[in-house]
Amino acid sequence: MAGPTTRGMARAAGINDKQLRARDVVRLSRGTYLPRALAGDLRARVAAVLLTAPPGAVVSHLTAAALWHLAVPLRPLEEPVHVTVGTGSAIRGRQDRVVHRSVLADDDVTRSHGIPLTTPARTWRDLAMVLLPAALLAVTDQLLSSGSTILELQTELARRPTGRGSARARAVLPVADPRAESAMESVLRWLLHEAGLPRPVLQHEVRGASGRFLGRADLAWPDRRVLVEFDGDVHRERDVFVNDLRRQNLLIAEGWTVLRFTSADVLGRPDDVVVQIRSALRR
């Protein structure tokens, strides 16, 4: 077995039930199988699900986001495959899939590597139904960075201006910024927005009194000489860590207040993060 298959397809190819129960085969759900070597391949799992999905089923929501290479924070890395079917479909979800029912316009659907999936804008509107605002902001920032426009997202929202996720989508759009460089940086920004703090400048270039380039800050309030950095896992590497410290010393010597946070701070102690930044801005 070289790819995804159903029990019926396997039998037609001369593969019996005993072979389908072999260790090198994964049973995704009732009657759907995948070689174990492909179990971690999202496109292979999607193809397996579509084998037993009704005609017209479209990959959507979190799975479409993954196929569009959008990082969705605050969600498990492994999700069942999400598909959208017509409102009259009786198909039910299974272990390997989540089924959504909705009307899809022709221009809400496209194809990527042969897979039918929702367009980036339609994917965004669907995600507004299932994501927290902070995660939705992260997705919105990435979409704007990758070529989608605010107008496209506004148009998609105008198609479904009410209902689940509509208020969340409207709240996030004005905060979105294509300059964000990581999903967790967007999550941090939403935290500050909710706290009512002044809007920061993203990716601000900092220069010393002599004009020397000192670095680029994730978030900055230049008029208050305060900058905030979100340190992801890469900042634990020795060379990056050493450079971070050297740059931080230069910035402090030039009169900047430098605050650095990790996901443990943003997710585990968000109130403390807000208090520290607010205090720095007041000084």
C-alpha atoms as a PDB file:
ATOM      1  CA  MET A   1       0.000   0.000   0.000  1.00  0.00           C
ATOM      2  CA  ALA A   2       1.659   3.209  -1.199  1.00  0.00           C
ATOM      3  CA  GLY A   3      -0.908   5.797  -0.171  1.00  0.00           C
ATOM      4  CA  PRO A   4      -4.268   6.396   1.512  1.00  0.00           C
ATOM      5  CA  THR A   5      -6.930   3.819   0.798  1.00  0.00           C
ATOM      6  CA  THR A   6     -10.328   2.539   1.838  1.00  0.00           C
ATOM      7  CA  ARG A   7     -11.149  -1.085   2.633  1.00  0.00           C
ATOM      8  CA  GLY A   8     -12.973  -1.369  -0.687  1.00  0.00           C
ATOM      9  CA  MET A   9     -10.042   0.059  -2.649  1.00  0.00           C
ATOM     10  CA  ALA A  10      -7.623  -2.207  -0.796  1.00  0.00           C
ATOM     11  CA  ARG A  11      -9.636  -5.331  -1.579  1.00  0.00           C
ATOM     12  CA  ALA A  12      -9.831  -4.330  -5.226  1.00  0.00           C
ATOM     13  CA  ALA A  13      -6.032  -4.065  -5.199  1.00  0.00           C
ATOM     14  CA  GLY A  14      -5.666  -7.516  -3.643  1.00  0.00           C
ATOM     15  CA  ILE A  15      -4.965  -6.347  -0.075  1.00  0.00           C
ATOM     16  CA  ASN A  16      -6.852  -8.353   2.556  1.00  0.00           C
ATOM     17  CA  ASP A  17      -8.054  -7.323   6.024  1.00  0.00           C
ATOM     18  CA  LYS A  18      -5.123  -9.027   7.729  1.00  0.00           C
ATOM     19  CA  GLN A  19      -2.703  -6.893   5.727  1.00  0.00           C
ATOM     20  CA  LEU A  20      -4.682  -3.769   6.660  1.00  0.00           C
ATOM     21  CA  ARG A  21      -4.105  -4.664  10.329  1.00  0.00           C
ATOM     22  CA  ALA A  22      -0.330  -4.842   9.849  1.00  0.00           C
ATOM     23  CA  ARG A  23       1.939  -2.653  11.985  1.00  0.00           C
ATOM     24  CA  ASP A  24       2.977  -0.537   9.013  1.00  0.00           C
ATOM     25  CA  VAL A  25      -0.646   0.541   8.378  1.00  0.00           C
ATOM     26  CA  VAL A  26      -2.618   3.114  10.392  1.00  0.00           C
ATOM     27  CA  ARG A  27      -6.411   2.946  10.599  1.00  0.00           C
ATOM     28  CA  LEU A  28      -7.537   6.580  10.586  1.00  0.00           C
ATOM     29  CA  SER A  29     -11.236   5.857  10.999  1.00  0.00           C
ATOM     30  CA  ARG A  30     -13.810   3.325   9.932  1.00  0.00           C
ATOM     31  CA  GLY A  31     -12.696   1.934   6.581  1.00  0.00           C
ATOM     32  CA  THR A  32      -9.914   4.478   5.967  1.00  0.00           C
ATOM     33  CA  TYR A  33      -6.230   3.530   6.084  1.00  0.00           C
ATOM     34  CA  LEU A  34      -2.822   5.121   5.581  1.00  0.00           C
ATOM     35  CA  PRO A  35       0.733   3.757   5.498  1.00  0.00           C
ATOM     36  CA  ARG A  36       2.307   4.458   8.886  1.00  0.00           C
ATOM     37  CA  ALA A  37       5.190   6.221   7.145  1.00  0.00           C
ATOM     38  CA  LEU A  38       2.708   8.865   5.941  1.00  0.00           C
ATOM     39  CA  ALA A  39       0.804   9.266   9.217  1.00  0.00           C
ATOM     40  CA  GLY A  40       2.557  12.571   9.953  1.00  0.00           C
ATOM     41  CA  ASP A  41       1.991  13.975   6.454  1.00  0.00           C
ATOM     42  CA  LEU A  42      -0.959  16.372   6.563  1.00  0.00           C
ATOM     43  CA  ARG A  43      -1.657  16.193   2.837  1.00  0.00           C
ATOM     44  CA  ALA A  44      -1.737  12.398   2.992  1.00  0.00           C
ATOM     45  CA  ARG A  45      -4.203  12.495   5.909  1.00  0.00           C
ATOM     46  CA  VAL A  46      -6.349  15.008   4.045  1.00  0.00           C
ATOM     47  CA  ALA A  47      -6.341  12.807   0.941  1.00  0.00           C
ATOM     48  CA  ALA A  48      -7.406   9.833   3.070  1.00  0.00           C
ATOM     49  CA  VAL A  49     -10.331  11.746   4.571  1.00  0.00           C
ATOM     50  CA  LEU A  50     -11.487  13.001   1.174  1.00  0.00           C
ATOM     51  CA  LEU A  51     -11.693   9.413  -0.078  1.00  0.00           C
ATOM     52  CA  THR A  52     -14.801   8.869   2.050  1.00  0.00           C
ATOM     53  CA  ALA A  53     -16.123  12.442   2.172  1.00  0.00           C
ATOM     54  CA  PRO A  54     -19.199  13.311   0.098  1.00  0.00           C
ATOM     55  CA  PRO A  55     -18.804  14.992  -3.308  1.00  0.00           C
ATOM     56  CA  GLY A  56     -18.217  18.704  -2.898  1.00  0.00           C
ATOM     57  CA  ALA A  57     -16.544  18.407   0.515  1.00  0.00           C
ATOM     58  CA  VAL A  58     -13.914  21.124   0.981  1.00  0.00           C
ATOM     59  CA  VAL A  59     -10.990  21.242   3.405  1.00  0.00           C
ATOM     60  CA  SER A  60     -11.551  24.179   5.748  1.00  0.00           C
ATOM     61  CA  HIS A  61     -10.942  25.838   9.120  1.00  0.00           C
ATOM     62  CA  LEU A  62      -7.754  24.761  10.940  1.00  0.00           C
ATOM     63  CA  THR A  63      -6.730  22.263   8.261  1.00  0.00           C
ATOM     64  CA  ALA A  64      -7.024  24.871   5.514  1.00  0.00           C
ATOM     65  CA  ALA A  65      -4.980  27.215   7.708  1.00  0.00           C
ATOM     66  CA  ALA A  66      -2.236  24.597   7.969  1.00  0.00           C
ATOM     67  CA  LEU A  67      -2.248  24.057   4.201  1.00  0.00           C
ATOM     68  CA  TRP A  68      -1.924  27.826   3.763  1.00  0.00           C
ATOM     69  CA  HIS A  69       1.112  27.639   6.109  1.00  0.00           C
ATOM     70  CA  LEU A  70      -0.549  29.706   8.838  1.00  0.00           C
ATOM     71  CA  ALA A  71       0.732  29.102  12.362  1.00  0.00           C
ATOM     72  CA  VAL A  72      -2.223  28.971  14.762  1.00  0.00           C
ATOM     73  CA  PRO A  73      -1.132  29.502  18.380  1.00  0.00           C
ATOM     74  CA  LEU A  74      -3.010  28.196  21.403  1.00  0.00           C
ATOM     75  CA  ARG A  75      -4.165  25.073  19.514  1.00  0.00           C
ATOM     76  CA  PRO A  76      -2.888  21.471  19.598  1.00  0.00           C
ATOM     77  CA  LEU A  77      -0.329  20.659  16.920  1.00  0.00           C
ATOM     78  CA  GLU A  78      -2.294  17.554  15.885  1.00  0.00           C
ATOM     79  CA  GLU A  79      -5.879  18.252  14.840  1.00  0.00           C
ATOM     80  CA  PRO A  80      -8.388  16.070  13.001  1.00  0.00           C
ATOM     81  CA  VAL A  81      -8.938  17.098   9.401  1.00  0.00           C
ATOM     82  CA  HIS A  82     -11.611  19.811   9.107  1.00  0.00           C
ATOM     83  CA  VAL A  83     -13.961  19.667   6.124  1.00  0.00           C
ATOM     84  CA  THR A  84     -16.991  21.732   5.168  1.00  0.00           C
ATOM     85  CA  VAL A  85     -19.988  20.134   3.440  1.00  0.00           C
ATOM     86  CA  GLY A  86     -23.342  21.457   2.288  1.00  0.00           C
ATOM     87  CA  THR A  87     -25.993  22.317   4.844  1.00  0.00           C
ATOM     88  CA  GLY A  88     -28.160  19.405   3.740  1.00  0.00           C
ATOM     89  CA  SER A  89     -25.476  16.747   4.156  1.00  0.00           C
ATOM     90  CA  ALA A  90     -26.074  14.020   6.744  1.00  0.00           C
ATOM     91  CA  ILE A  91     -22.415  13.033   7.045  1.00  0.00           C
ATOM     92  CA  ARG A  92     -21.082  12.878  10.597  1.00  0.00           C
ATOM     93  CA  GLY A  93     -17.672  13.513  12.064  1.00  0.00           C
ATOM     94  CA  ARG A  94     -15.322  10.643  12.775  1.00  0.00           C
ATOM     95  CA  GLN A  95     -12.136  10.152  14.731  1.00  0.00           C
ATOM     96  CA  ASP A  96     -10.064  11.559  11.868  1.00  0.00           C
ATOM     97  CA  ARG A  97     -12.323  14.439  10.819  1.00  0.00           C
ATOM     98  CA  VAL A  98     -14.449  17.358  12.014  1.00  0.00           C
ATOM     99  CA  VAL A  99     -17.410  18.119   9.775  1.00  0.00           C
ATOM    100  CA  HIS A 100     -18.777  21.659   9.369  1.00  0.00           C
ATOM    101  CA  ARG A 101     -21.961  22.490   7.452  1.00  0.00           C
ATOM    102  CA  SER A 102     -22.137  25.751   5.566  1.00  0.00           C
ATOM    103  CA  VAL A 103     -22.936  27.327   2.220  1.00  0.00           C
ATOM    104  CA  LEU A 104     -19.794  27.919   0.167  1.00  0.00           C
ATOM    105  CA  ALA A 105     -19.783  30.303  -2.787  1.00  0.00           C
ATOM    106  CA  ASP A 106     -17.759  29.280  -5.835  1.00  0.00           C
ATOM    107  CA  ASP A 107     -15.150  31.944  -5.104  1.00  0.00           C
ATOM    108  CA  ASP A 108     -14.790  30.717  -1.506  1.00  0.00           C
ATOM    109  CA  VAL A 109     -13.107  27.562  -2.812  1.00  0.00           C
ATOM    110  CA  THR A 110      -9.827  26.959  -4.598  1.00  0.00           C
ATOM    111  CA  ARG A 111      -7.456  24.038  -5.130  1.00  0.00           C
ATOM    112  CA  SER A 112      -3.908  23.509  -3.923  1.00  0.00           C
ATOM    113  CA  HIS A 113      -1.938  20.496  -5.144  1.00  0.00           C
ATOM    114  CA  GLY A 114      -5.250  18.964  -6.187  1.00  0.00           C
ATOM    115  CA  ILE A 115      -6.907  19.457  -2.785  1.00  0.00           C
ATOM    116  CA  PRO A 116     -10.139  21.506  -2.666  1.00  0.00           C
ATOM    117  CA  LEU A 117      -9.904  23.997   0.175  1.00  0.00           C
ATOM    118  CA  THR A 118     -11.288  27.328   1.280  1.00  0.00           C
ATOM    119  CA  THR A 119      -9.519  30.474   0.088  1.00  0.00           C
ATOM    120  CA  PRO A 120      -7.364  32.372   2.598  1.00  0.00           C
ATOM    121  CA  ALA A 121     -10.108  34.964   3.171  1.00  0.00           C
ATOM    122  CA  ARG A 122     -12.842  32.358   3.664  1.00  0.00           C
ATOM    123  CA  THR A 123     -10.506  30.359   5.917  1.00  0.00           C
ATOM    124  CA  TRP A 124     -10.030  33.491   8.047  1.00  0.00           C
ATOM    125  CA  ARG A 125     -13.787  34.005   8.410  1.00  0.00           C
ATOM    126  CA  ASP A 126     -14.255  30.356   9.381  1.00  0.00           C
ATOM    127  CA  LEU A 127     -11.429  30.566  11.919  1.00  0.00           C
ATOM    128  CA  ALA A 128     -13.119  33.561  13.526  1.00  0.00           C
ATOM    129  CA  MET A 129     -15.793  31.084  14.607  1.00  0.00           C
ATOM    130  CA  VAL A 130     -13.432  28.762  16.471  1.00  0.00           C
ATOM    131  CA  LEU A 131     -10.371  30.739  17.603  1.00  0.00           C
ATOM    132  CA  LEU A 132      -9.805  33.032  20.548  1.00  0.00           C
ATOM    133  CA  PRO A 133      -9.194  36.672  19.527  1.00  0.00           C
ATOM    134  CA  ALA A 134      -5.452  36.475  20.249  1.00  0.00           C
ATOM    135  CA  ALA A 135      -5.021  33.460  17.975  1.00  0.00           C
ATOM    136  CA  LEU A 136      -7.238  35.042  15.320  1.00  0.00           C
ATOM    137  CA  LEU A 137      -5.049  38.159  15.376  1.00  0.00           C
ATOM    138  CA  ALA A 138      -1.985  35.965  14.802  1.00  0.00           C
ATOM    139  CA  VAL A 139      -3.648  34.389  11.762  1.00  0.00           C
ATOM    140  CA  THR A 140      -4.778  37.786  10.468  1.00  0.00           C
ATOM    141  CA  ASP A 141      -1.266  39.233  10.769  1.00  0.00           C
ATOM    142  CA  GLN A 142       0.140  36.285   8.820  1.00  0.00           C
ATOM    143  CA  LEU A 143      -2.461  36.569   6.082  1.00  0.00           C
ATOM    144  CA  LEU A 144      -1.690  40.269   5.605  1.00  0.00           C
ATOM    145  CA  SER A 145       2.022  39.482   5.567  1.00  0.00           C
ATOM    146  CA  SER A 146       1.541  36.804   2.908  1.00  0.00           C
ATOM    147  CA  GLY A 147      -0.407  38.976   0.481  1.00  0.00           C
ATOM    148  CA  SER A 148      -4.045  39.067   1.586  1.00  0.00           C
ATOM    149  CA  THR A 149      -5.496  42.543   2.058  1.00  0.00           C
ATOM    150  CA  ILE A 150      -7.694  44.116   4.697  1.00  0.00           C
ATOM    151  CA  LEU A 151     -10.253  44.778   1.954  1.00  0.00           C
ATOM    152  CA  GLU A 152     -10.424  41.063   1.087  1.00  0.00           C
ATOM    153  CA  LEU A 153     -11.017  40.152   4.717  1.00  0.00           C
ATOM    154  CA  GLN A 154     -13.591  42.930   5.134  1.00  0.00           C
ATOM    155  CA  THR A 155     -15.382  41.680   2.021  1.00  0.00           C
ATOM    156  CA  GLU A 156     -15.489  38.139   3.405  1.00  0.00           C
ATOM    157  CA  LEU A 157     -16.831  39.448   6.697  1.00  0.00           C
ATOM    158  CA  ALA A 158     -19.496  41.456   4.829  1.00  0.00           C
ATOM    159  CA  ARG A 159     -20.734  38.194   3.322  1.00  0.00           C
ATOM    160  CA  ARG A 160     -21.407  36.833   6.813  1.00  0.00           C
ATOM    161  CA  PRO A 161     -21.692  39.994   8.927  1.00  0.00           C
ATOM    162  CA  THR A 162     -23.580  38.298  11.745  1.00  0.00           C
ATOM    163  CA  GLY A 163     -23.444  35.000  13.536  1.00  0.00           C
ATOM    164  CA  ARG A 164     -20.687  33.164  15.327  1.00  0.00           C
ATOM    165  CA  GLY A 165     -17.304  34.857  15.078  1.00  0.00           C
ATOM    166  CA  SER A 166     -18.503  38.069  13.436  1.00  0.00           C
ATOM    167  CA  ALA A 167     -17.893  40.306  16.457  1.00  0.00           C
ATOM    168  CA  ARG A 168     -14.505  38.702  17.019  1.00  0.00           C
ATOM    169  CA  ALA A 169     -13.485  39.287  13.406  1.00  0.00           C
ATOM    170  CA  ARG A 170     -14.530  42.941  13.557  1.00  0.00           C
ATOM    171  CA  ALA A 171     -12.579  43.449  16.791  1.00  0.00           C
ATOM    172  CA  VAL A 172      -9.383  41.927  15.424  1.00  0.00           C
ATOM    173  CA  LEU A 173      -9.205  43.586  12.008  1.00  0.00           C
ATOM    174  CA  PRO A 174      -8.257  47.105  13.210  1.00  0.00           C
ATOM    175  CA  VAL A 175      -5.419  45.681  15.310  1.00  0.00           C
ATOM    176  CA  ALA A 176      -3.904  43.519  12.568  1.00  0.00           C
ATOM    177  CA  ASP A 177      -0.463  44.417  11.232  1.00  0.00           C
ATOM    178  CA  PRO A 178       1.555  42.610   8.526  1.00  0.00           C
ATOM    179  CA  ARG A 179       4.831  43.559  10.234  1.00  0.00           C
ATOM    180  CA  ALA A 180       4.331  40.997  13.017  1.00  0.00           C
ATOM    181  CA  GLU A 181       7.033  38.350  12.760  1.00  0.00           C
ATOM    182  CA  SER A 182       5.707  35.575  14.990  1.00  0.00           C
ATOM    183  CA  ALA A 183       2.366  34.219  16.098  1.00  0.00           C
ATOM    184  CA  MET A 184       3.164  34.629  19.791  1.00  0.00           C
ATOM    185  CA  GLU A 185       4.209  38.227  19.183  1.00  0.00           C
ATOM    186  CA  SER A 186       0.674  38.771  17.885  1.00  0.00           C
ATOM    187  CA  VAL A 187      -0.753  37.085  20.980  1.00  0.00           C
ATOM    188  CA  LEU A 188       1.277  39.474  23.141  1.00  0.00           C
ATOM    189  CA  ARG A 189      -0.008  42.423  21.133  1.00  0.00           C
ATOM    190  CA  TRP A 190      -3.611  41.383  21.676  1.00  0.00           C
ATOM    191  CA  LEU A 191      -2.945  41.135  25.397  1.00  0.00           C
ATOM    192  CA  LEU A 192      -1.713  44.734  25.427  1.00  0.00           C
ATOM    193  CA  HIS A 193      -4.616  45.881  23.256  1.00  0.00           C
ATOM    194  CA  GLU A 194      -7.154  44.360  25.647  1.00  0.00           C
ATOM    195  CA  ALA A 195      -5.395  46.060  28.547  1.00  0.00           C
ATOM    196  CA  GLY A 196      -5.857  49.439  26.863  1.00  0.00           C
ATOM    197  CA  LEU A 197      -2.146  50.186  26.462  1.00  0.00           C
ATOM    198  CA  PRO A 198      -0.977  52.522  23.679  1.00  0.00           C
ATOM    199  CA  ARG A 199      -0.465  50.823  20.346  1.00  0.00           C
ATOM    200  CA  PRO A 200       3.194  49.928  19.810  1.00  0.00           C
ATOM    201  CA  VAL A 201       5.320  50.375  16.700  1.00  0.00           C
ATOM    202  CA  LEU A 202       6.262  47.000  15.239  1.00  0.00           C
ATOM    203  CA  GLN A 203       9.807  46.120  14.135  1.00  0.00           C
ATOM    204  CA  HIS A 204      11.117  49.533  15.152  1.00  0.00           C
ATOM    205  CA  GLU A 205      14.709  50.264  14.128  1.00  0.00           C
ATOM    206  CA  VAL A 206      16.650  51.654  17.062  1.00  0.00           C
ATOM    207  CA  ARG A 207      19.678  53.874  16.509  1.00  0.00           C
ATOM    208  CA  GLY A 208      22.074  55.416  18.978  1.00  0.00           C
ATOM    209  CA  ALA A 209      22.884  59.100  19.396  1.00  0.00           C
ATOM    210  CA  SER A 210      25.629  58.754  16.765  1.00  0.00           C
ATOM    211  CA  GLY A 211      23.221  57.150  14.292  1.00  0.00           C
ATOM    212  CA  ARG A 212      24.623  53.661  14.843  1.00  0.00           C
ATOM    213  CA  PHE A 213      22.082  50.891  14.244  1.00  0.00           C
ATOM    214  CA  LEU A 214      21.495  49.093  17.536  1.00  0.00           C
ATOM    215  CA  GLY A 215      18.788  46.643  16.547  1.00  0.00           C
ATOM    216  CA  ARG A 216      15.178  46.112  15.619  1.00  0.00           C
ATOM    217  CA  ALA A 217      12.580  45.780  18.372  1.00  0.00           C
ATOM    218  CA  ASP A 218       9.482  43.582  18.155  1.00  0.00           C
ATOM    219  CA  LEU A 219       7.342  46.213  19.876  1.00  0.00           C
ATOM    220  CA  ALA A 220       8.389  49.764  20.715  1.00  0.00           C
ATOM    221  CA  TRP A 221       7.074  53.032  22.048  1.00  0.00           C
ATOM    222  CA  PRO A 222       9.781  55.381  20.705  1.00  0.00           C
ATOM    223  CA  ASP A 223       8.399  58.473  22.427  1.00  0.00           C
ATOM    224  CA  ARG A 224       8.702  56.693  25.802  1.00  0.00           C
ATOM    225  CA  ARG A 225      11.978  54.930  24.898  1.00  0.00           C
ATOM    226  CA  VAL A 226      10.457  51.578  25.834  1.00  0.00           C
ATOM    227  CA  LEU A 227      10.796  48.419  23.812  1.00  0.00           C
ATOM    228  CA  VAL A 228       9.502  44.885  24.290  1.00  0.00           C
ATOM    229  CA  GLU A 229      10.912  41.701  22.845  1.00  0.00           C
ATOM    230  CA  PHE A 230       9.200  38.329  22.595  1.00  0.00           C
ATOM    231  CA  ASP A 231      11.821  35.592  22.931  1.00  0.00           C
ATOM    232  CA  GLY A 232      10.883  32.354  21.202  1.00  0.00           C
ATOM    233  CA  ASP A 233      12.799  29.094  21.383  1.00  0.00           C
ATOM    234  CA  VAL A 234      15.514  30.305  18.997  1.00  0.00           C
ATOM    235  CA  HIS A 235      16.659  32.797  21.643  1.00  0.00           C
ATOM    236  CA  ARG A 236      17.805  29.876  23.810  1.00  0.00           C
ATOM    237  CA  GLU A 237      20.557  29.027  21.350  1.00  0.00           C
ATOM    238  CA  ARG A 238      23.916  30.136  22.681  1.00  0.00           C
ATOM    239  CA  ASP A 239      24.946  32.462  19.840  1.00  0.00           C
ATOM    240  CA  VAL A 240      21.529  34.141  19.752  1.00  0.00           C
ATOM    241  CA  PHE A 241      21.464  34.462  23.544  1.00  0.00           C
ATOM    242  CA  VAL A 242      24.901  36.101  23.618  1.00  0.00           C
ATOM    243  CA  ASN A 243      23.969  38.554  20.861  1.00  0.00           C
ATOM    244  CA  ASP A 244      20.717  39.382  22.656  1.00  0.00           C
ATOM    245  CA  LEU A 245      22.612  40.302  25.830  1.00  0.00           C
ATOM    246  CA  ARG A 246      25.117  42.470  23.976  1.00  0.00           C
ATOM    247  CA  ARG A 247      22.369  44.303  22.139  1.00  0.00           C
ATOM    248  CA  GLN A 248      20.382  44.751  25.341  1.00  0.00           C
ATOM    249  CA  ASN A 249      23.372  46.361  27.059  1.00  0.00           C
ATOM    250  CA  LEU A 250      23.796  48.801  24.168  1.00  0.00           C
ATOM    251  CA  LEU A 251      20.122  49.737  24.244  1.00  0.00           C
ATOM    252  CA  ILE A 252      20.111  50.322  28.004  1.00  0.00           C
ATOM    253  CA  ALA A 253      23.249  52.452  27.700  1.00  0.00           C
ATOM    254  CA  GLU A 254      21.373  54.594  25.154  1.00  0.00           C
ATOM    255  CA  GLY A 255      18.545  55.183  27.617  1.00  0.00           C
ATOM    256  CA  TRP A 256      16.026  52.554  26.480  1.00  0.00           C
ATOM    257  CA  THR A 257      13.980  50.413  28.852  1.00  0.00           C
ATOM    258  CA  VAL A 258      14.122  46.837  27.551  1.00  0.00           C
ATOM    259  CA  LEU A 259      11.574  44.213  28.585  1.00  0.00           C
ATOM    260  CA  ARG A 260      11.785  40.625  27.359  1.00  0.00           C
ATOM    261  CA  PHE A 261       9.076  37.992  27.654  1.00  0.00           C
ATOM    262  CA  THR A 262       8.582  34.356  26.693  1.00  0.00           C
ATOM    263  CA  SER A 263       5.485  32.274  26.047  1.00  0.00           C
ATOM    264  CA  ALA A 264       5.620  31.202  29.698  1.00  0.00           C
ATOM    265  CA  ASP A 265       5.083  34.865  30.625  1.00  0.00           C
ATOM    266  CA  VAL A 266       2.466  35.729  28.011  1.00  0.00           C
ATOM    267  CA  LEU A 267       0.393  32.594  28.612  1.00  0.00           C
ATOM    268  CA  GLY A 268       1.210  31.853  32.249  1.00  0.00           C
ATOM    269  CA  ARG A 269       1.299  35.290  33.866  1.00  0.00           C
ATOM    270  CA  PRO A 270      -0.315  37.773  31.464  1.00  0.00           C
ATOM    271  CA  ASP A 271      -1.379  40.200  34.205  1.00  0.00           C
ATOM    272  CA  ASP A 272       2.235  40.597  35.327  1.00  0.00           C
ATOM    273  CA  VAL A 273       3.304  41.268  31.749  1.00  0.00           C
ATOM    274  CA  VAL A 274       0.733  44.062  31.429  1.00  0.00           C
ATOM    275  CA  VAL A 275       1.720  45.577  34.790  1.00  0.00           C
ATOM    276  CA  GLN A 276       5.441  45.655  33.876  1.00  0.00           C
ATOM    277  CA  ILE A 277       4.848  47.240  30.468  1.00  0.00           C
ATOM    278  CA  ARG A 278       2.375  49.780  31.832  1.00  0.00           C
ATOM    279  CA  SER A 279       4.838  50.718  34.571  1.00  0.00           C
ATOM    280  CA  ALA A 280       7.656  51.164  32.050  1.00  0.00           C
ATOM    281  CA  LEU A 281       5.479  53.376  29.842  1.00  0.00           C
ATOM    282  CA  ARG A 282       4.544  55.582  32.795  1.00  0.00           C
ATOM    283  CA  ARG A 283       8.206  56.099  33.711  1.00  0.00           C
END
